[in-house]
Protein backbone atom coordinates (compact mmCIF):
# COMPACT_ATOMS: atom_id res chain seq x y z
CA UNK A 1 -15.97 47.44 -1.55
CA UNK A 2 -17.18 43.86 -1.00
CA UNK A 3 -14.58 41.29 -0.03
CA UNK A 4 -14.04 38.68 -2.72
CA UNK A 5 -14.46 35.16 -1.40
CA UNK A 6 -12.49 32.38 -2.98
CA UNK A 7 -14.20 29.01 -3.18
CA UNK A 8 -12.34 26.32 -1.29
CA UNK A 9 -11.83 23.32 -3.57
CA UNK A 10 -13.15 19.98 -2.40
CA UNK A 11 -10.39 17.59 -1.31
CA UNK A 12 -9.80 14.76 -3.78
CA UNK A 13 -11.52 11.48 -2.89
CA UNK A 14 -9.36 9.01 -1.02
CA UNK A 15 -8.44 6.08 -3.23
CA UNK A 16 -9.44 2.66 -1.85
CA UNK A 17 -6.39 0.91 -0.40
CA UNK A 18 -5.86 -2.69 -1.51
CA UNK A 19 -3.43 -5.26 -0.10
CA UNK A 20 -2.26 -7.89 -2.62
CA UNK A 21 -0.83 -11.03 -0.99
CA UNK A 22 0.88 -13.40 -3.44
CA UNK A 23 4.28 -15.11 -3.48
CA UNK A 24 4.54 -14.69 -7.28
CA UNK A 25 6.56 -11.51 -7.92
CA UNK A 26 5.23 -11.21 -11.47
CA UNK A 27 1.61 -11.24 -10.29
CA UNK A 28 2.32 -8.77 -7.47
CA UNK A 29 3.95 -6.32 -9.86
CA UNK A 30 1.22 -6.79 -12.48
CA UNK A 31 -1.58 -6.13 -9.99
CA UNK A 32 0.24 -3.20 -8.39
CA UNK A 33 0.55 -1.47 -11.75
CA UNK A 34 -2.87 -2.42 -13.14
CA UNK A 35 -4.81 -1.55 -9.98
CA UNK A 36 -2.77 1.63 -9.55
CA UNK A 37 -3.61 2.65 -13.12
CA UNK A 38 -7.27 2.15 -12.26
CA UNK A 39 -7.24 4.53 -9.32
CA UNK A 40 -6.42 2.28 -6.37
CA UNK A 41 -3.72 2.64 -3.74
CA UNK A 42 -1.87 -0.70 -3.64
CA UNK A 43 0.41 -2.35 -1.09
CA UNK A 44 1.87 -5.81 -1.72
CA UNK A 45 3.06 -8.69 0.44
CA UNK A 46 5.00 -11.81 -0.63
CA UNK A 47 3.70 -14.04 2.17
CA UNK A 48 1.33 -14.19 5.14
CA UNK A 49 3.90 -12.87 7.62
CA UNK A 50 4.48 -9.72 5.57
CA UNK A 51 0.74 -9.31 5.11
CA UNK A 52 0.21 -9.42 8.88
CA UNK A 53 2.81 -6.67 9.35
CA UNK A 54 0.98 -4.45 6.88
CA UNK A 55 -2.37 -5.22 8.49
CA UNK A 56 -0.99 -4.23 11.89
CA UNK A 57 0.18 -0.86 10.57
CA UNK A 58 -2.52 0.09 8.06
CA UNK A 59 -6.20 -0.34 7.36
CA UNK A 60 -7.22 -1.67 3.95
CA UNK A 61 -10.46 -1.48 1.99
CA UNK A 62 -9.97 -4.89 0.36
CA UNK A 63 -7.50 -7.78 0.29
CA UNK A 64 -6.53 -9.94 -2.70
CA UNK A 65 -5.14 -13.17 -1.24
CA UNK A 66 -3.59 -16.12 -3.07
CA UNK A 67 -4.37 -19.56 -1.64
CA UNK A 68 -1.11 -21.33 -2.52
CA UNK A 69 1.82 -19.69 -0.74
CA UNK A 70 4.89 -21.15 0.98
CA UNK A 71 4.60 -21.35 4.74
CA UNK A 72 1.21 -20.17 5.92
CA UNK A 73 -1.26 -20.44 3.05
CA UNK A 74 -4.00 -18.01 2.09
CA UNK A 75 -6.76 -19.98 3.78
CA UNK A 76 -4.96 -19.91 7.11
CA UNK A 77 -4.27 -16.19 6.73
CA UNK A 78 -7.93 -15.56 5.92
CA UNK A 79 -9.03 -17.57 8.95
CA UNK A 80 -6.86 -15.40 11.21
CA UNK A 81 -8.06 -12.16 9.63
CA UNK A 82 -11.70 -13.13 9.98
CA UNK A 83 -11.31 -13.53 13.74
CA UNK A 84 -10.92 -9.77 14.06
CA UNK A 85 -11.95 -8.12 10.79
CA UNK A 86 -14.70 -8.04 8.18
CA UNK A 87 -12.48 -6.43 5.52
CA UNK A 88 -13.56 -7.69 2.07
CA UNK A 89 -11.36 -10.46 0.68
CA UNK A 90 -11.05 -11.68 -2.90
CA UNK A 91 -9.24 -15.02 -3.05
CA UNK A 92 -7.08 -16.28 -5.92
CA UNK A 93 -7.20 -20.03 -6.45
CA UNK A 94 -5.61 -22.52 -8.83
CA UNK A 95 -7.70 -23.47 -11.82
CA UNK A 96 -10.06 -26.31 -10.97
CA UNK A 97 -9.41 -26.28 -7.22
CA UNK A 98 -13.08 -26.21 -6.17
CA UNK A 99 -12.20 -27.35 -2.64
CA UNK A 100 -10.18 -24.16 -2.07
CA UNK A 101 -13.10 -22.06 -3.29
CA UNK A 102 -15.53 -23.81 -0.99
CA UNK A 103 -13.19 -23.52 1.98
CA UNK A 104 -12.65 -19.86 1.22
CA UNK A 105 -16.35 -19.13 1.03
CA UNK A 106 -16.89 -20.98 4.30
CA UNK A 107 -14.21 -18.78 5.91
CA UNK A 108 -16.00 -15.66 4.73
CA UNK A 109 -14.23 -14.51 1.55
CA UNK A 110 -16.36 -12.24 -0.60
CA UNK A 111 -15.37 -13.58 -4.00
CA UNK A 112 -12.75 -15.72 -5.73
CA UNK A 113 -11.01 -15.92 -9.08
CA UNK A 114 -9.14 -18.82 -10.64
CA UNK A 115 -5.64 -18.37 -12.04
CA UNK A 116 -4.82 -17.45 -14.73
CA UNK A 117 -7.20 -14.51 -14.71
CA UNK A 118 -7.89 -11.42 -16.79
CA UNK A 119 -6.75 -8.29 -14.86
CA UNK A 120 -9.68 -6.25 -16.19
CA UNK A 121 -12.14 -8.79 -14.75
CA UNK A 122 -10.35 -8.60 -11.41
CA UNK A 123 -10.79 -4.81 -11.39
CA UNK A 124 -14.50 -5.18 -12.16
CA UNK A 125 -14.94 -7.70 -9.34
CA UNK A 126 -13.07 -5.49 -6.88
CA UNK A 127 -15.32 -2.57 -7.81
CA UNK A 128 -18.40 -4.73 -7.29
CA UNK A 129 -17.19 -5.94 -3.87
CA UNK A 130 -16.40 -2.40 -2.70
CA UNK A 131 -19.83 -1.15 -3.78
CA UNK A 132 -21.44 -3.87 -1.68
CA UNK A 133 -19.18 -3.35 1.34
CA UNK A 134 -20.76 -1.52 4.30
CA UNK A 135 -19.47 1.95 5.08
CA UNK A 136 -16.87 1.85 7.84
CA UNK A 137 -17.80 3.65 11.05
CA UNK A 138 -14.22 4.68 11.73
CA UNK A 139 -11.69 6.50 9.61
CA UNK A 140 -9.14 4.23 7.95
CA UNK A 141 -5.86 3.81 9.75
CA UNK A 142 -3.53 5.33 7.20
CA UNK A 143 -0.81 6.81 9.38
CA UNK A 144 2.79 5.67 9.58
CA UNK A 145 5.00 6.69 12.49
CA UNK A 146 8.76 7.04 12.53
CA UNK A 147 10.40 8.92 15.37
CA UNK A 148 8.96 12.42 15.69
CA UNK A 149 7.25 12.11 12.30
CA UNK A 150 3.76 11.07 11.29
CA UNK A 151 2.88 10.41 7.67
CA UNK A 152 -0.73 10.30 6.47
CA UNK A 153 -0.79 8.03 3.42
CA UNK A 154 -4.28 9.08 2.32
CA UNK A 155 -3.51 12.80 2.31
CA UNK A 156 0.22 12.40 1.68
CA UNK A 157 1.03 14.79 4.53
CA UNK A 158 4.17 14.67 6.65
CA UNK A 159 4.09 16.12 10.18
CA UNK A 160 7.11 16.39 12.46
CA UNK A 161 6.67 17.24 16.15
CA UNK A 162 3.16 18.44 15.35
CA UNK A 163 4.28 20.82 12.57
CA UNK A 164 3.45 20.19 8.91
CA UNK A 165 6.55 19.63 6.77
CA UNK A 166 6.64 21.10 3.28
CA UNK A 167 7.56 18.58 0.58
CA UNK A 168 8.39 19.30 -3.02
CA UNK A 169 6.44 17.35 -5.63
CA UNK A 170 9.38 14.99 -6.16
CA UNK A 171 9.93 14.45 -2.42
CA UNK A 172 6.22 13.84 -1.89
CA UNK A 173 6.11 11.18 -4.61
CA UNK A 174 9.22 9.43 -3.30
CA UNK A 175 7.83 9.35 0.23
CA UNK A 176 4.49 8.06 -1.04
CA UNK A 177 6.12 5.11 -2.82
CA UNK A 178 8.41 4.33 0.14
CA UNK A 179 5.50 4.56 2.60
CA UNK A 180 3.34 2.21 0.54
CA UNK A 181 6.22 -0.28 0.72
CA UNK A 182 7.25 0.44 4.32
CA UNK A 183 9.68 -2.16 5.65
CA UNK A 184 10.61 -3.39 2.17
CA UNK A 185 13.51 -2.37 -0.09
CA UNK A 186 12.31 -0.32 -3.05
CA UNK A 187 14.47 -0.39 -6.17
CA UNK A 188 15.42 2.72 -8.06
CA UNK A 189 13.14 1.89 -10.98
CA UNK A 190 10.09 2.17 -8.72
CA UNK A 191 11.40 5.44 -7.27
CA UNK A 192 11.82 7.07 -10.68
CA UNK A 193 9.21 9.82 -10.70
CA UNK A 194 8.97 10.55 -14.41
CA UNK A 195 11.21 12.58 -16.71
CA UNK A 196 14.54 13.66 -15.29
CA UNK A 197 13.75 12.07 -11.92
CA UNK A 198 14.69 8.73 -13.46
CA UNK A 199 18.29 9.94 -13.13
CA UNK A 200 19.81 8.10 -10.12
CA UNK A 201 21.60 11.27 -9.04
CA UNK A 202 18.29 13.17 -8.88
CA UNK A 203 16.76 10.47 -6.68
CA UNK A 204 19.81 10.54 -4.38
CA UNK A 205 19.50 14.32 -3.97
CA UNK A 206 15.80 14.06 -3.12
CA UNK A 207 16.48 11.26 -0.64
CA UNK A 208 19.09 13.47 1.05
CA UNK A 209 16.55 16.29 1.32
CA UNK A 210 13.91 13.94 2.71
CA UNK A 211 16.33 12.70 5.35
CA UNK A 212 16.90 16.25 6.54
CA UNK A 213 13.17 16.64 6.98
CA UNK A 214 12.38 13.40 8.82
CA UNK A 215 15.57 12.04 10.43
CA UNK A 216 16.93 13.03 13.88
CA UNK A 217 20.40 12.96 12.26
CA UNK A 218 20.38 12.87 8.46
CA UNK A 219 24.04 11.75 8.44
CA UNK A 220 23.10 8.58 10.35
CA UNK A 221 19.63 7.72 9.01
CA UNK A 222 17.48 5.43 11.14
CA UNK A 223 14.31 5.42 9.07
CA UNK A 224 15.10 6.24 5.43
CA UNK A 225 17.81 3.68 4.87
CA UNK A 226 19.98 2.85 1.87
CA UNK A 227 19.75 -0.76 0.69
CA UNK A 228 23.01 -1.43 -1.09
CA UNK A 229 22.57 -2.70 -4.63
CA UNK A 230 18.80 -2.09 -4.59
CA UNK A 231 17.61 1.35 -3.57
CA UNK A 232 16.04 2.60 -0.36
CA UNK A 233 13.70 1.47 2.42
CA UNK A 234 11.50 3.31 4.90
CA UNK A 235 11.50 1.78 8.38
CA UNK A 236 8.66 2.65 10.74
CA UNK A 237 8.13 2.39 14.47
CA UNK A 238 6.12 -0.62 15.72
């Protein structure tokens, strides 16, 4: 009797990873949701220093960078990035600030948009930039490390001491959100994974289970930490 062969399904395509750098919380949250709804993986940063931390830990397919930020502005950040990377950059500028646009283009940004902007147009421009971008010769750096654990953001796989760790659907979604915001407190509203998971008690139970799977001592967590009054935060190794 012939052996039945089961077709192996193709792995889902890896969503392009975008870093949004803007000091305006409203714009960061808007773009995170809108780009996420359009199939992108999104990480956000409130300033240049936070953006540099993300860039040191992860590889992105495109950056959306605001010019006007407290401290180091977007032009300075872009200048530093361009010394070592050709990652596509879309710059956000104030309406009518042609000097910023010219400076940005001289620094090597791929496109710019003036605020206020239409989110749908931003998505179309991002798609156009990514289609023009050359194919990378190396695999994206999408791995976070914490202690004995390695987490692959693209495949959403957790490995501890070289052994794959099984995650329930709820645990996997929680870890995905925490990993995309590594080093930042994530409030409970962002960690609500639909339906009954919006219940704070459900989230607490899943966090406890996750700690058992990734912490050396789940009773004294080093990596998946509670942020009092906010939610939780995932700390990673340098």
